[in-house]
All heavy atoms as atom14 arrays in JSON, in Angstrom:
{
  "sequence": "ADSRGVSRAQVALTWVSRNPVVSAPIVGVGKARH",
  "atom14_mask": [
    [1, 1, 1, 1, 1, 0, 0, 0, 0, 0, 0, 0, 0, 0],
    [1, 1, 1, 1, 1, 1, 1, 1, 0, 0, 0, 0, 0, 0],
    [1, 1, 1, 1, 1, 1, 0, 0, 0, 0, 0, 0, 0, 0],
    [1, 1, 1, 1, 1, 1, 1, 1, 1, 1, 1, 0, 0, 0],
    [1, 1, 1, 1, 0, 0, 0, 0, 0, 0, 0, 0, 0, 0],
    [1, 1, 1, 1, 1, 1, 1, 0, 0, 0, 0, 0, 0, 0],
    [1, 1, 1, 1, 1, 1, 0, 0, 0, 0, 0, 0, 0, 0],
    [1, 1, 1, 1, 1, 1, 1, 1, 1, 1, 1, 0, 0, 0],
    [1, 1, 1, 1, 1, 0, 0, 0, 0, 0, 0, 0, 0, 0],
    [1, 1, 1, 1, 1, 1, 1, 1, 1, 0, 0, 0, 0, 0],
    [1, 1, 1, 1, 1, 1, 1, 0, 0, 0, 0, 0, 0, 0],
    [1, 1, 1, 1, 1, 0, 0, 0, 0, 0, 0, 0, 0, 0],
    [1, 1, 1, 1, 1, 1, 1, 1, 0, 0, 0, 0, 0, 0],
    [1, 1, 1, 1, 1, 1, 1, 0, 0, 0, 0, 0, 0, 0],
    [1, 1, 1, 1, 1, 1, 1, 1, 1, 1, 1, 1, 1, 1],
    [1, 1, 1, 1, 1, 1, 1, 0, 0, 0, 0, 0, 0, 0],
    [1, 1, 1, 1, 1, 1, 0, 0, 0, 0, 0, 0, 0, 0],
    [1, 1, 1, 1, 1, 1, 1, 1, 1, 1, 1, 0, 0, 0],
    [1, 1, 1, 1, 1, 1, 1, 1, 0, 0, 0, 0, 0, 0],
    [1, 1, 1, 1, 1, 1, 1, 0, 0, 0, 0, 0, 0, 0],
    [1, 1, 1, 1, 1, 1, 1, 0, 0, 0, 0, 0, 0, 0],
    [1, 1, 1, 1, 1, 1, 1, 0, 0, 0, 0, 0, 0, 0],
    [1, 1, 1, 1, 1, 1, 0, 0, 0, 0, 0, 0, 0, 0],
    [1, 1, 1, 1, 1, 0, 0, 0, 0, 0, 0, 0, 0, 0],
    [1, 1, 1, 1, 1, 1, 1, 0, 0, 0, 0, 0, 0, 0],
    [1, 1, 1, 1, 1, 1, 1, 1, 0, 0, 0, 0, 0, 0],
    [1, 1, 1, 1, 1, 1, 1, 0, 0, 0, 0, 0, 0, 0],
    [1, 1, 1, 1, 0, 0, 0, 0, 0, 0, 0, 0, 0, 0],
    [1, 1, 1, 1, 1, 1, 1, 0, 0, 0, 0, 0, 0, 0],
    [1, 1, 1, 1, 0, 0, 0, 0, 0, 0, 0, 0, 0, 0],
    [1, 1, 1, 1, 1, 1, 1, 1, 1, 0, 0, 0, 0, 0],
    [1, 1, 1, 1, 1, 0, 0, 0, 0, 0, 0, 0, 0, 0],
    [1, 1, 1, 1, 1, 1, 1, 1, 1, 1, 1, 0, 0, 0],
    [1, 1, 1, 1, 1, 1, 1, 1, 1, 1, 0, 0, 0, 0]
  ],
  "atom14_positions": [
    [[-17.26, -123.94, -98.02], [-16.65, -122.71, -97.52], [-15.25, -122.52, -98.1], [-14.89, -121.41, -98.56], [-16.61, -122.72, -96.0], [0.0, 0.0, 0.0], [0.0, 0.0, 0.0], [0.0, 0.0, 0.0], [0.0, 0.0, 0.0], [0.0, 0.0, 0.0], [0.0, 0.0, 0.0], [0.0, 0.0, 0.0], [0.0, 0.0, 0.0], [0.0, 0.0, 0.0]],
    [[-14.48, -123.59, -98.13], [-13.11, -123.49, -98.64], [-13.11, -123.18, -100.13], [-12.27, -122.39, -100.6], [-12.37, -124.8, -98.38], [-12.03, -125.02, -96.92], [-12.12, -124.06, -96.15], [-11.72, -126.19, -96.55], [0.0, 0.0, 0.0], [0.0, 0.0, 0.0], [0.0, 0.0, 0.0], [0.0, 0.0, 0.0], [0.0, 0.0, 0.0], [0.0, 0.0, 0.0]],
    [[-14.02, -123.78, -100.86], [-14.07, -123.53, -102.32], [-14.5, -122.1, -102.64], [-14.08, -121.55, -103.68], [-15.02, -124.51, -102.99], [-16.37, -124.26, -102.63], [0.0, 0.0, 0.0], [0.0, 0.0, 0.0], [0.0, 0.0, 0.0], [0.0, 0.0, 0.0], [0.0, 0.0, 0.0], [0.0, 0.0, 0.0], [0.0, 0.0, 0.0], [0.0, 0.0, 0.0]],
    [[-15.27, -121.52, -101.73], [-15.76, -120.14, -101.95], [-14.8, -119.1, -101.33], [-14.97, -117.92, -101.6], [-17.14, -119.97, -101.33], [-18.24, -120.58, -102.13], [-18.44, -119.88, -103.48], [-19.72, -120.16, -104.02], [-20.79, -119.36, -103.92], [-20.7, -118.25, -103.24], [-21.94, -119.73, -104.44], [0.0, 0.0, 0.0], [0.0, 0.0, 0.0], [0.0, 0.0, 0.0]],
    [[-13.93, -119.55, -100.41], [-13.09, -118.62, -99.72], [-13.85, -117.82, -98.68], [-13.52, -116.65, -98.44], [0.0, 0.0, 0.0], [0.0, 0.0, 0.0], [0.0, 0.0, 0.0], [0.0, 0.0, 0.0], [0.0, 0.0, 0.0], [0.0, 0.0, 0.0], [0.0, 0.0, 0.0], [0.0, 0.0, 0.0], [0.0, 0.0, 0.0], [0.0, 0.0, 0.0]],
    [[-14.86, -118.44, -98.06], [-15.63, -117.78, -97.01], [-15.63, -118.66, -95.78], [-15.14, -119.79, -95.81], [-17.08, -117.51, -97.48], [-17.11, -116.6, -98.7], [-17.81, -118.85, -97.78], [0.0, 0.0, 0.0], [0.0, 0.0, 0.0], [0.0, 0.0, 0.0], [0.0, 0.0, 0.0], [0.0, 0.0, 0.0], [0.0, 0.0, 0.0], [0.0, 0.0, 0.0]],
    [[-16.2, -118.18, -94.71], [-16.24, -118.95, -93.46], [-17.33, -120.02, -93.53], [-18.31, -119.92, -94.31], [-16.48, -118.05, -92.27], [-17.79, -117.56, -92.27], [0.0, 0.0, 0.0], [0.0, 0.0, 0.0], [0.0, 0.0, 0.0], [0.0, 0.0, 0.0], [0.0, 0.0, 0.0], [0.0, 0.0, 0.0], [0.0, 0.0, 0.0], [0.0, 0.0, 0.0]],
    [[-17.19, -121.05, -92.71], [-18.24, -122.05, -92.6], [-19.54, -121.45, -92.1], [-20.62, -121.86, -92.53], [-17.77, -123.16, -91.63], [-16.57, -123.94, -92.1], [-16.19, -125.04, -91.12], [-15.01, -125.75, -91.52], [-14.83, -127.07, -91.31], [-15.77, -127.77, -90.69], [-13.72, -127.66, -91.7], [0.0, 0.0, 0.0], [0.0, 0.0, 0.0], [0.0, 0.0, 0.0]],
    [[-19.43, -120.5, -91.17], [-20.63, -119.87, -90.62], [-21.45, -119.2, -91.73], [-22.68, -119.3, -91.73], [-20.26, -118.87, -89.56], [0.0, 0.0, 0.0], [0.0, 0.0, 0.0], [0.0, 0.0, 0.0], [0.0, 0.0, 0.0], [0.0, 0.0, 0.0], [0.0, 0.0, 0.0], [0.0, 0.0, 0.0], [0.0, 0.0, 0.0], [0.0, 0.0, 0.0]],
    [[-20.77, -118.56, -92.66], [-21.51, -117.91, -93.75], [-22.27, -118.91, -94.56], [-23.44, -118.69, -94.92], [-20.52, -117.14, -94.63], [-19.88, -115.91, -93.98], [-18.89, -115.23, -94.9], [-19.11, -115.07, -96.07], [-17.76, -114.85, -94.32], [0.0, 0.0, 0.0], [0.0, 0.0, 0.0], [0.0, 0.0, 0.0], [0.0, 0.0, 0.0], [0.0, 0.0, 0.0]],
    [[-21.66, -120.03, -94.87], [-22.32, -121.06, -95.69], [-23.54, -121.62, -94.94], [-24.63, -121.74, -95.51], [-21.33, -122.17, -96.04], [-22.04, -123.35, -96.7], [-20.22, -121.63, -96.94], [0.0, 0.0, 0.0], [0.0, 0.0, 0.0], [0.0, 0.0, 0.0], [0.0, 0.0, 0.0], [0.0, 0.0, 0.0], [0.0, 0.0, 0.0], [0.0, 0.0, 0.0]],
    [[-23.34, -121.98, -93.67], [-24.42, -122.61, -92.91], [-25.6, -121.66, -92.72], [-26.76, -122.07, -92.8], [-23.9, -123.09, -91.58], [0.0, 0.0, 0.0], [0.0, 0.0, 0.0], [0.0, 0.0, 0.0], [0.0, 0.0, 0.0], [0.0, 0.0, 0.0], [0.0, 0.0, 0.0], [0.0, 0.0, 0.0], [0.0, 0.0, 0.0], [0.0, 0.0, 0.0]],
    [[-25.31, -120.38, -92.48], [-26.38, -119.39, -92.29], [-27.12, -119.12, -93.6], [-28.34, -118.96, -93.62], [-25.82, -118.11, -91.72], [-25.68, -118.02, -90.2], [-25.0, -116.71, -89.81], [-27.03, -118.12, -89.53], [0.0, 0.0, 0.0], [0.0, 0.0, 0.0], [0.0, 0.0, 0.0], [0.0, 0.0, 0.0], [0.0, 0.0, 0.0], [0.0, 0.0, 0.0]],
    [[-26.36, -119.04, -94.67], [-26.99, -118.8, -95.98], [-27.97, -119.9, -96.31], [-29.05, -119.67, -96.81], [-25.91, -118.68, -97.08], [-25.09, -117.53, -96.81], [-26.55, -118.53, -98.45], [0.0, 0.0, 0.0], [0.0, 0.0, 0.0], [0.0, 0.0, 0.0], [0.0, 0.0, 0.0], [0.0, 0.0, 0.0], [0.0, 0.0, 0.0], [0.0, 0.0, 0.0]],
    [[-27.57, -121.15, -96.0], [-28.46, -122.27, -96.27], [-29.75, -122.15, -95.47], [-30.85, -122.4, -96.0], [-27.77, -123.61, -95.91], [-28.62, -124.79, -96.19], [-28.74, -125.49, -97.35], [-29.52, -125.42, -95.27], [-29.68, -126.48, -97.22], [-30.17, -126.48, -95.94], [-29.85, -125.18, -93.91], [-31.12, -127.3, -95.31], [-30.79, -125.99, -93.31], [-31.42, -127.05, -94.02]],
    [[-29.69, -121.77, -94.21], [-30.9, -121.6, -93.41], [-31.78, -120.49, -93.97], [-33.0, -120.65, -94.14], [-30.54, -121.32, -91.95], [-31.78, -120.86, -91.16], [-29.92, -122.53, -91.27], [0.0, 0.0, 0.0], [0.0, 0.0, 0.0], [0.0, 0.0, 0.0], [0.0, 0.0, 0.0], [0.0, 0.0, 0.0], [0.0, 0.0, 0.0], [0.0, 0.0, 0.0]],
    [[-31.19, -119.37, -94.31], [-31.94, -118.2, -94.74], [-32.63, -118.4, -96.07], [-33.61, -117.71, -96.39], [-31.02, -116.97, -94.82], [-30.55, -116.61, -93.54], [0.0, 0.0, 0.0], [0.0, 0.0, 0.0], [0.0, 0.0, 0.0], [0.0, 0.0, 0.0], [0.0, 0.0, 0.0], [0.0, 0.0, 0.0], [0.0, 0.0, 0.0], [0.0, 0.0, 0.0]],
    [[-32.11, -119.32, -96.89], [-32.69, -119.52, -98.24], [-34.04, -120.23, -98.18], [-34.8, -120.2, -99.17], [-31.72, -120.28, -99.14], [-31.53, -121.74, -98.77], [-30.38, -122.37, -99.58], [-30.65, -122.38, -101.0], [-31.36, -123.29, -101.64], [-31.92, -124.31, -100.96], [-31.55, -123.22, -102.93], [0.0, 0.0, 0.0], [0.0, 0.0, 0.0], [0.0, 0.0, 0.0]],
    [[-34.4, -120.84, -97.04], [-35.71, -121.47, -96.94], [-36.77, -120.35, -96.94], [-36.73, -119.43, -96.14], [-35.79, -122.25, -95.62], [-37.02, -123.13, -95.55], [-38.14, -122.69, -95.81], [-36.82, -124.41, -95.22], [0.0, 0.0, 0.0], [0.0, 0.0, 0.0], [0.0, 0.0, 0.0], [0.0, 0.0, 0.0], [0.0, 0.0, 0.0], [0.0, 0.0, 0.0]],
    [[-37.74, -120.43, -97.82], [-38.7, -119.34, -97.97], [-39.58, -119.05, -96.75], [-40.12, -117.97, -96.65], [-39.56, -119.77, -99.19], [-39.35, -121.23, -99.3], [-37.97, -121.49, -98.83], [0.0, 0.0, 0.0], [0.0, 0.0, 0.0], [0.0, 0.0, 0.0], [0.0, 0.0, 0.0], [0.0, 0.0, 0.0], [0.0, 0.0, 0.0], [0.0, 0.0, 0.0]],
    [[-39.72, -119.99, -95.82], [-40.52, -119.7, -94.63], [-39.75, -118.97, -93.55], [-40.31, -118.48, -92.58], [-41.16, -120.98, -94.01], [-42.02, -121.7, -95.03], [-40.09, -121.9, -93.46], [0.0, 0.0, 0.0], [0.0, 0.0, 0.0], [0.0, 0.0, 0.0], [0.0, 0.0, 0.0], [0.0, 0.0, 0.0], [0.0, 0.0, 0.0], [0.0, 0.0, 0.0]],
    [[-38.41, -118.92, -93.7], [-37.55, -118.3, -92.67], [-37.6, -116.77, -92.84], [-37.28, -116.24, -93.91], [-36.12, -118.82, -92.76], [-35.2, -118.0, -91.88], [-36.06, -120.3, -92.37], [0.0, 0.0, 0.0], [0.0, 0.0, 0.0], [0.0, 0.0, 0.0], [0.0, 0.0, 0.0], [0.0, 0.0, 0.0], [0.0, 0.0, 0.0], [0.0, 0.0, 0.0]],
    [[-37.99, -116.09, -91.77], [-37.92, -114.64, -91.75], [-36.53, -114.14, -91.32], [-35.92, -113.29, -91.95], [-38.97, -114.07, -90.8], [-40.27, -114.28, -91.26], [0.0, 0.0, 0.0], [0.0, 0.0, 0.0], [0.0, 0.0, 0.0], [0.0, 0.0, 0.0], [0.0, 0.0, 0.0], [0.0, 0.0, 0.0], [0.0, 0.0, 0.0], [0.0, 0.0, 0.0]],
    [[-36.01, -114.72, -90.23], [-34.74, -114.28, -89.7], [-34.14, -115.34, -88.76], [-34.71, -115.61, -87.75], [-34.86, -112.95, -88.94], [0.0, 0.0, 0.0], [0.0, 0.0, 0.0], [0.0, 0.0, 0.0], [0.0, 0.0, 0.0], [0.0, 0.0, 0.0], [0.0, 0.0, 0.0], [0.0, 0.0, 0.0], [0.0, 0.0, 0.0], [0.0, 0.0, 0.0]],
    [[-32.98, -115.91, -89.12], [-32.31, -116.79, -88.18], [-31.87, -115.99, -86.93], [-31.54, -114.8, -87.04], [-31.08, -117.31, -88.93], [-31.35, -116.98, -90.37], [-32.24, -115.78, -90.38], [0.0, 0.0, 0.0], [0.0, 0.0, 0.0], [0.0, 0.0, 0.0], [0.0, 0.0, 0.0], [0.0, 0.0, 0.0], [0.0, 0.0, 0.0], [0.0, 0.0, 0.0]],
    [[-31.84, -116.64, -85.8], [-31.4, -115.99, -84.57], [-29.92, -116.36, -84.35], [-29.58, -117.54, -84.16], [-32.26, -116.44, -83.37], [-33.71, -116.01, -83.64], [-31.73, -115.86, -82.07], [-34.67, -116.56, -82.64], [0.0, 0.0, 0.0], [0.0, 0.0, 0.0], [0.0, 0.0, 0.0], [0.0, 0.0, 0.0], [0.0, 0.0, 0.0], [0.0, 0.0, 0.0]],
    [[-29.09, -115.34, -84.4], [-27.64, -115.55, -84.41], [-27.01, -115.02, -83.13], [-27.18, -113.85, -82.78], [-26.99, -114.85, -85.63], [-25.49, -115.16, -85.67], [-27.65, -115.36, -86.94], [0.0, 0.0, 0.0], [0.0, 0.0, 0.0], [0.0, 0.0, 0.0], [0.0, 0.0, 0.0], [0.0, 0.0, 0.0], [0.0, 0.0, 0.0], [0.0, 0.0, 0.0]],
    [[-26.31, -115.88, -82.44], [-25.56, -115.45, -81.26], [-24.26, -114.82, -81.7], [-23.56, -115.35, -82.56], [0.0, 0.0, 0.0], [0.0, 0.0, 0.0], [0.0, 0.0, 0.0], [0.0, 0.0, 0.0], [0.0, 0.0, 0.0], [0.0, 0.0, 0.0], [0.0, 0.0, 0.0], [0.0, 0.0, 0.0], [0.0, 0.0, 0.0], [0.0, 0.0, 0.0]],
    [[-23.92, -113.69, -81.06], [-22.69, -112.98, -81.42], [-21.89, -112.79, -80.13], [-22.2, -111.94, -79.3], [-23.03, -111.62, -82.06], [-21.76, -110.77, -82.24], [-23.72, -111.83, -83.4], [0.0, 0.0, 0.0], [0.0, 0.0, 0.0], [0.0, 0.0, 0.0], [0.0, 0.0, 0.0], [0.0, 0.0, 0.0], [0.0, 0.0, 0.0], [0.0, 0.0, 0.0]],
    [[-20.84, -113.57, -80.01], [-19.96, -113.42, -78.84], [-18.65, -112.78, -79.18], [-17.9, -112.38, -78.28], [0.0, 0.0, 0.0], [0.0, 0.0, 0.0], [0.0, 0.0, 0.0], [0.0, 0.0, 0.0], [0.0, 0.0, 0.0], [0.0, 0.0, 0.0], [0.0, 0.0, 0.0], [0.0, 0.0, 0.0], [0.0, 0.0, 0.0], [0.0, 0.0, 0.0]],
    [[-18.38, -112.61, -80.48], [-17.17, -111.97, -80.93], [-17.52, -111.14, -82.17], [-18.48, -111.43, -82.88], [-16.08, -113.01, -81.29], [-15.63, -113.83, -80.08], [-14.62, -114.87, -80.5], [-14.18, -115.71, -79.29], [-13.21, -116.78, -79.65], [0.0, 0.0, 0.0], [0.0, 0.0, 0.0], [0.0, 0.0, 0.0], [0.0, 0.0, 0.0], [0.0, 0.0, 0.0]],
    [[-16.69, -110.16, -82.48], [-16.98, -109.28, -83.62], [-17.07, -110.07, -84.92], [-17.9, -109.79, -85.78], [-15.92, -108.19, -83.72], [0.0, 0.0, 0.0], [0.0, 0.0, 0.0], [0.0, 0.0, 0.0], [0.0, 0.0, 0.0], [0.0, 0.0, 0.0], [0.0, 0.0, 0.0], [0.0, 0.0, 0.0], [0.0, 0.0, 0.0], [0.0, 0.0, 0.0]],
    [[-16.23, -111.09, -85.09], [-16.24, -111.86, -86.32], [-17.55, -112.64, -86.49], [-17.93, -112.95, -87.63], [-15.02, -112.78, -86.4], [-14.97, -113.85, -85.33], [-13.74, -114.73, -85.52], [-13.56, -115.65, -84.4], [-14.17, -116.83, -84.31], [-15.02, -117.19, -85.23], [-13.93, -117.62, -83.28], [0.0, 0.0, 0.0], [0.0, 0.0, 0.0], [0.0, 0.0, 0.0]],
    [[-18.22, -112.96, -85.4], [-19.5, -113.65, -85.51], [-20.52, -112.75, -86.25], [-21.28, -113.2, -87.11], [-20.06, -114.04, -84.14], [-19.19, -115.0, -83.41], [-19.31, -115.2, -82.03], [-18.2, -115.83, -83.84], [-18.41, -116.1, -81.68], [-17.73, -116.5, -82.72], [0.0, 0.0, 0.0], [0.0, 0.0, 0.0], [0.0, 0.0, 0.0], [0.0, 0.0, 0.0]]
  ]
}
């Protein structure tokens, strides 16, 4: 995340979504930044 200049959440979610069997990760949103 630091090397890309993005948040940790973006990196972790991108990794999950790249699995070809995944249709949609379920993401909790408690704040606008989430």
